[in-house]
């Protein structure tokens, strides 16, 4: 058995963003490091399969009708089934159909981050925090995660605290510009939200799709999130005011004044 680790950090660029790993406590450091390498390879494989910027990726070829689902990697079928479930849950506010194409990127990053984090946790790590471009999967803990203020670059709007499993996803233009489309208009959402953060104990895959749908909904988001099980939301509006769902206070570790 290899020597244990107290803390292991790693940064990896993939999928057009940066993934930051923070891993705590294991009696077998060699096993955790092997799991970290496997998780990193899985992120790059996800990019190869799902990138909408690579014309030869499987998702692009599938969208052009050059591949059948049966010819794709198993990950494609899994992701598209998850997307279909998210579309049903949100009554179409989450969608993979933009401009007549096939684009599951509203789910892929969160799914890839959650899967990578769970791979490492399964190796015996005591805690894992994996941040992929502002969307975070937390396992173990305790952890504190800062939520960027979309109206004040470099400032935090709020800090989320967790001890246990939690997916934390933020949707809005702060990280990558406006990349969420109102599926009813094909345009950027018009709902007064600068950003919305969704937390789900179920994991980041769920939090990510719900954050995407909620941002597209705009003013409808709060009531929709309130009706979902084990889901809470925090929003910053375009005028700088904020709102939370009724149970979000359970995840609040502090707010930057």
Protein backbone atom coordinates (compact mmCIF):
# COMPACT_ATOMS: atom_id res chain seq x y z
CA UNK A 1 0.00 0.00 0.00
CA UNK A 2 1.32 3.45 -0.88
CA UNK A 3 1.83 6.24 1.60
CA UNK A 4 -1.26 8.26 2.43
CA UNK A 5 -1.91 11.87 1.49
CA UNK A 6 -3.14 14.81 3.55
CA UNK A 7 -4.00 17.03 0.59
CA UNK A 8 -3.50 16.83 -3.16
CA UNK A 9 -4.22 19.61 -5.66
CA UNK A 10 -4.17 19.55 -9.44
CA UNK A 11 -5.19 21.94 -12.24
CA UNK A 12 -6.09 20.73 -15.74
CA UNK A 13 -7.20 22.57 -18.86
CA UNK A 14 -9.84 20.84 -20.95
CA UNK A 15 -13.19 21.51 -22.60
CA UNK A 16 -12.25 25.17 -23.03
CA UNK A 17 -12.03 25.81 -19.30
CA UNK A 18 -9.96 25.02 -16.20
CA UNK A 19 -10.64 22.17 -13.80
CA UNK A 20 -9.29 22.54 -10.26
CA UNK A 21 -9.00 19.43 -8.08
CA UNK A 22 -8.71 19.63 -4.29
CA UNK A 23 -8.43 16.18 -2.69
CA UNK A 24 -8.19 15.51 1.04
CA UNK A 25 -7.09 12.58 3.14
CA UNK A 26 -6.42 9.00 2.09
CA UNK A 27 -4.55 6.10 3.60
CA UNK A 28 -3.39 5.07 0.12
CA UNK A 29 -1.94 7.98 -1.83
CA UNK A 30 -0.95 5.81 -4.78
CA UNK A 31 -4.54 4.72 -5.35
CA UNK A 32 -5.82 8.28 -5.15
CA UNK A 33 -3.18 9.52 -7.60
CA UNK A 34 -4.12 6.73 -10.02
CA UNK A 35 -7.79 7.75 -9.71
CA UNK A 36 -6.84 11.38 -10.34
CA UNK A 37 -5.03 10.38 -13.54
CA UNK A 38 -8.08 8.37 -14.64
CA UNK A 39 -10.37 11.31 -13.89
CA UNK A 40 -8.21 13.69 -15.93
CA UNK A 41 -8.15 11.28 -18.87
CA UNK A 42 -11.94 11.01 -18.65
CA UNK A 43 -12.29 14.80 -18.89
CA UNK A 44 -10.21 14.88 -22.06
CA UNK A 45 -12.18 11.96 -23.51
CA UNK A 46 -15.39 13.84 -22.77
CA UNK A 47 -14.04 16.81 -24.71
CA UNK A 48 -13.12 14.60 -27.67
CA UNK A 49 -16.59 13.05 -27.75
CA UNK A 50 -18.80 16.05 -27.00
CA UNK A 51 -16.97 19.17 -28.18
CA UNK A 52 -19.12 21.36 -30.42
CA UNK A 53 -15.91 23.03 -31.64
CA UNK A 54 -14.45 19.85 -33.11
CA UNK A 55 -16.15 18.93 -36.38
CA UNK A 56 -15.03 15.33 -35.98
CA UNK A 57 -16.41 14.84 -32.46
CA UNK A 58 -19.04 12.16 -32.11
CA UNK A 59 -21.71 14.63 -31.03
CA UNK A 60 -21.12 16.81 -34.09
CA UNK A 61 -21.14 13.82 -36.42
CA UNK A 62 -24.31 12.53 -34.75
CA UNK A 63 -25.95 15.91 -35.20
CA UNK A 64 -25.06 15.92 -38.91
CA UNK A 65 -26.52 12.44 -39.36
CA UNK A 66 -23.15 10.82 -40.05
CA UNK A 67 -23.47 8.51 -37.03
CA UNK A 68 -26.30 6.58 -35.43
CA UNK A 69 -26.58 6.46 -31.65
CA UNK A 70 -25.69 2.78 -31.80
CA UNK A 71 -22.35 3.74 -33.36
CA UNK A 72 -21.48 6.24 -30.61
CA UNK A 73 -19.62 5.73 -27.35
CA UNK A 74 -21.78 4.63 -24.40
CA UNK A 75 -21.27 8.07 -22.85
CA UNK A 76 -23.25 9.65 -25.69
CA UNK A 77 -26.31 7.52 -25.03
CA UNK A 78 -26.08 8.18 -21.28
CA UNK A 79 -25.76 11.95 -21.74
CA UNK A 80 -28.60 12.20 -24.26
CA UNK A 81 -30.89 10.21 -21.97
CA UNK A 82 -30.05 12.54 -19.09
CA UNK A 83 -30.69 15.54 -21.35
CA UNK A 84 -34.08 14.16 -22.37
CA UNK A 85 -35.01 13.75 -18.70
CA UNK A 86 -33.90 17.31 -17.94
CA UNK A 87 -35.93 18.63 -20.86
CA UNK A 88 -39.03 16.84 -19.59
CA UNK A 89 -38.51 18.07 -16.03
CA UNK A 90 -38.09 21.69 -17.15
CA UNK A 91 -40.88 21.53 -19.75
CA UNK A 92 -38.43 22.44 -22.48
CA UNK A 93 -36.53 25.27 -20.77
CA UNK A 94 -33.51 23.00 -20.84
CA UNK A 95 -32.91 21.75 -24.37
CA UNK A 96 -30.27 20.22 -26.61
CA UNK A 97 -31.87 21.62 -29.75
CA UNK A 98 -30.35 24.99 -30.59
CA UNK A 99 -30.78 26.41 -34.09
CA UNK A 100 -31.77 23.01 -35.37
CA UNK A 101 -28.53 21.40 -34.11
CA UNK A 102 -27.64 19.01 -31.32
CA UNK A 103 -25.89 20.60 -28.34
CA UNK A 104 -25.86 18.82 -24.96
CA UNK A 105 -23.21 21.12 -23.46
CA UNK A 106 -25.71 22.45 -20.90
CA UNK A 107 -25.31 19.08 -19.16
CA UNK A 108 -21.96 17.68 -20.28
CA UNK A 109 -19.60 19.71 -18.11
CA UNK A 110 -21.53 19.14 -14.90
CA UNK A 111 -21.87 15.45 -15.70
CA UNK A 112 -18.15 15.16 -16.45
CA UNK A 113 -17.15 16.98 -13.25
CA UNK A 114 -19.44 14.88 -11.06
CA UNK A 115 -18.22 11.65 -12.65
CA UNK A 116 -14.56 12.63 -12.24
CA UNK A 117 -15.06 13.63 -8.59
CA UNK A 118 -16.83 10.38 -7.78
CA UNK A 119 -14.04 8.39 -9.45
CA UNK A 120 -11.55 9.95 -7.05
CA UNK A 121 -13.80 9.55 -4.01
CA UNK A 122 -14.21 5.85 -4.81
CA UNK A 123 -10.44 5.43 -4.52
CA UNK A 124 -10.61 6.21 -0.81
CA UNK A 125 -10.17 9.99 -0.70
CA UNK A 126 -11.70 11.55 2.37
CA UNK A 127 -13.00 14.57 0.48
CA UNK A 128 -13.06 15.88 -3.07
CA UNK A 129 -13.78 19.36 -4.42
CA UNK A 130 -13.70 19.58 -8.20
CA UNK A 131 -14.37 22.97 -9.78
CA UNK A 132 -14.94 23.01 -13.53
CA UNK A 133 -15.28 26.57 -14.80
CA UNK A 134 -17.28 27.70 -11.77
CA UNK A 135 -19.45 24.59 -11.39
CA UNK A 136 -18.44 22.51 -8.39
CA UNK A 137 -18.91 18.97 -7.14
CA UNK A 138 -18.28 18.57 -3.41
CA UNK A 139 -17.84 15.21 -1.70
CA UNK A 140 -16.92 14.82 1.95
CA UNK A 141 -15.78 18.05 3.51
CA UNK A 142 -16.29 20.43 5.10
CA UNK A 143 -15.95 22.80 2.14
CA UNK A 144 -16.59 26.47 1.45
CA UNK A 145 -17.23 27.60 -2.13
CA UNK A 146 -17.37 31.22 -3.24
CA UNK A 147 -20.03 32.30 -5.73
CA UNK A 148 -18.82 35.07 -8.04
CA UNK A 149 -20.72 38.33 -8.11
CA UNK A 150 -21.73 38.77 -11.78
CA UNK A 151 -21.93 42.56 -11.39
CA UNK A 152 -18.64 43.09 -9.53
CA UNK A 153 -15.73 41.30 -11.21
CA UNK A 154 -13.42 39.75 -8.65
CA UNK A 155 -15.95 39.97 -5.81
CA UNK A 156 -18.01 37.25 -4.18
CA UNK A 157 -21.76 37.44 -3.92
CA UNK A 158 -22.04 34.61 -1.43
CA UNK A 159 -20.22 31.62 0.08
CA UNK A 160 -21.77 28.15 0.09
CA UNK A 161 -20.79 25.76 2.88
CA UNK A 162 -21.10 22.00 2.67
CA UNK A 163 -20.23 18.92 4.67
CA UNK A 164 -21.18 16.00 2.47
CA UNK A 165 -22.24 15.62 -1.14
CA UNK A 166 -23.38 18.77 -2.93
CA UNK A 167 -23.45 19.99 -6.52
CA UNK A 168 -23.13 23.77 -6.93
CA UNK A 169 -23.86 25.16 -10.41
CA UNK A 170 -24.04 28.77 -11.52
CA UNK A 171 -25.55 29.89 -14.81
CA UNK A 172 -25.12 33.34 -16.30
CA UNK A 173 -22.74 35.39 -18.44
CA UNK A 174 -19.97 36.00 -15.86
CA UNK A 175 -17.82 32.95 -16.67
CA UNK A 176 -18.16 32.54 -20.45
CA UNK A 177 -20.47 35.29 -21.66
CA UNK A 178 -24.12 34.61 -22.35
CA UNK A 179 -24.25 31.01 -23.54
CA UNK A 180 -27.80 30.13 -22.45
CA UNK A 181 -30.60 30.60 -24.96
CA UNK A 182 -34.32 31.03 -24.35
CA UNK A 183 -35.61 28.01 -26.31
CA UNK A 184 -38.86 29.79 -27.07
CA UNK A 185 -37.21 32.75 -28.81
CA UNK A 186 -33.76 31.49 -29.79
CA UNK A 187 -32.33 34.63 -28.19
CA UNK A 188 -30.59 35.43 -24.91
CA UNK A 189 -33.03 35.20 -21.97
CA UNK A 190 -34.92 38.31 -20.99
CA UNK A 191 -35.82 37.84 -17.35
CA UNK A 192 -33.77 40.21 -15.28
CA UNK A 193 -31.26 37.63 -13.94
CA UNK A 194 -27.55 38.37 -13.90
CA UNK A 195 -26.80 34.88 -12.55
CA UNK A 196 -28.43 32.00 -10.74
CA UNK A 197 -26.78 29.39 -8.53
CA UNK A 198 -28.46 26.05 -7.87
CA UNK A 199 -27.37 23.55 -5.20
CA UNK A 200 -28.42 19.89 -5.18
CA UNK A 201 -27.29 17.07 -2.88
CA UNK A 202 -28.05 14.72 -5.78
CA UNK A 203 -24.98 16.04 -7.58
CA UNK A 204 -23.67 18.48 -10.13
CA UNK A 205 -25.32 16.85 -13.15
CA UNK A 206 -28.72 17.72 -11.70
CA UNK A 207 -27.65 21.12 -10.37
CA UNK A 208 -26.17 22.10 -13.73
CA UNK A 209 -29.23 21.32 -15.83
CA UNK A 210 -31.54 22.99 -13.32
CA UNK A 211 -29.35 26.11 -13.23
CA UNK A 212 -29.35 26.28 -17.03
CA UNK A 213 -33.12 25.90 -17.20
CA UNK A 214 -33.68 28.38 -14.37
CA UNK A 215 -31.54 31.05 -16.02
CA UNK A 216 -33.47 30.60 -19.27
CA UNK A 217 -36.75 30.96 -17.34
CA UNK A 218 -35.80 34.29 -15.79
CA UNK A 219 -38.63 35.53 -13.57
CA UNK A 220 -40.28 32.11 -13.54
CA UNK A 221 -37.23 30.43 -12.01
CA UNK A 222 -37.93 30.96 -8.32
CA UNK A 223 -41.32 29.24 -8.27
CA UNK A 224 -39.98 26.38 -10.40
CA UNK A 225 -37.01 25.76 -8.12
CA UNK A 226 -39.20 25.93 -5.00
CA UNK A 227 -41.29 23.08 -6.40
CA UNK A 228 -38.32 20.76 -7.02
CA UNK A 229 -37.18 18.27 -4.36
CA UNK A 230 -33.82 18.77 -2.62
CA UNK A 231 -33.02 21.85 -4.71
CA UNK A 232 -32.30 25.42 -3.66
CA UNK A 233 -31.38 28.53 -5.61
CA UNK A 234 -29.72 31.92 -5.18
CA UNK A 235 -30.09 34.62 -7.83
CA UNK A 236 -28.52 37.98 -8.53
CA UNK A 237 -30.79 40.18 -10.62
CA UNK A 238 -29.72 42.66 -13.25
CA UNK A 239 -30.34 45.57 -10.85
CA UNK A 240 -28.10 44.04 -8.16
CA UNK A 241 -30.80 42.75 -5.84
CA UNK A 242 -30.84 39.09 -4.79
CA UNK A 243 -33.31 36.39 -3.91
CA UNK A 244 -33.13 32.85 -2.57
CA UNK A 245 -35.46 29.91 -2.37
CA UNK A 246 -36.88 29.21 1.08
CA UNK A 247 -34.31 26.58 2.10
CA UNK A 248 -31.15 28.09 0.67
CA UNK A 249 -30.07 29.45 4.05
CA UNK A 250 -29.09 25.90 5.02
CA UNK A 251 -26.20 26.11 2.54
CA UNK A 252 -25.05 29.66 3.31
CA UNK A 253 -21.62 30.11 4.89
CA UNK A 254 -21.40 33.89 4.46
CA UNK A 255 -21.92 36.83 2.15
CA UNK A 256 -19.34 39.35 1.01
CA UNK A 257 -20.62 42.79 2.10
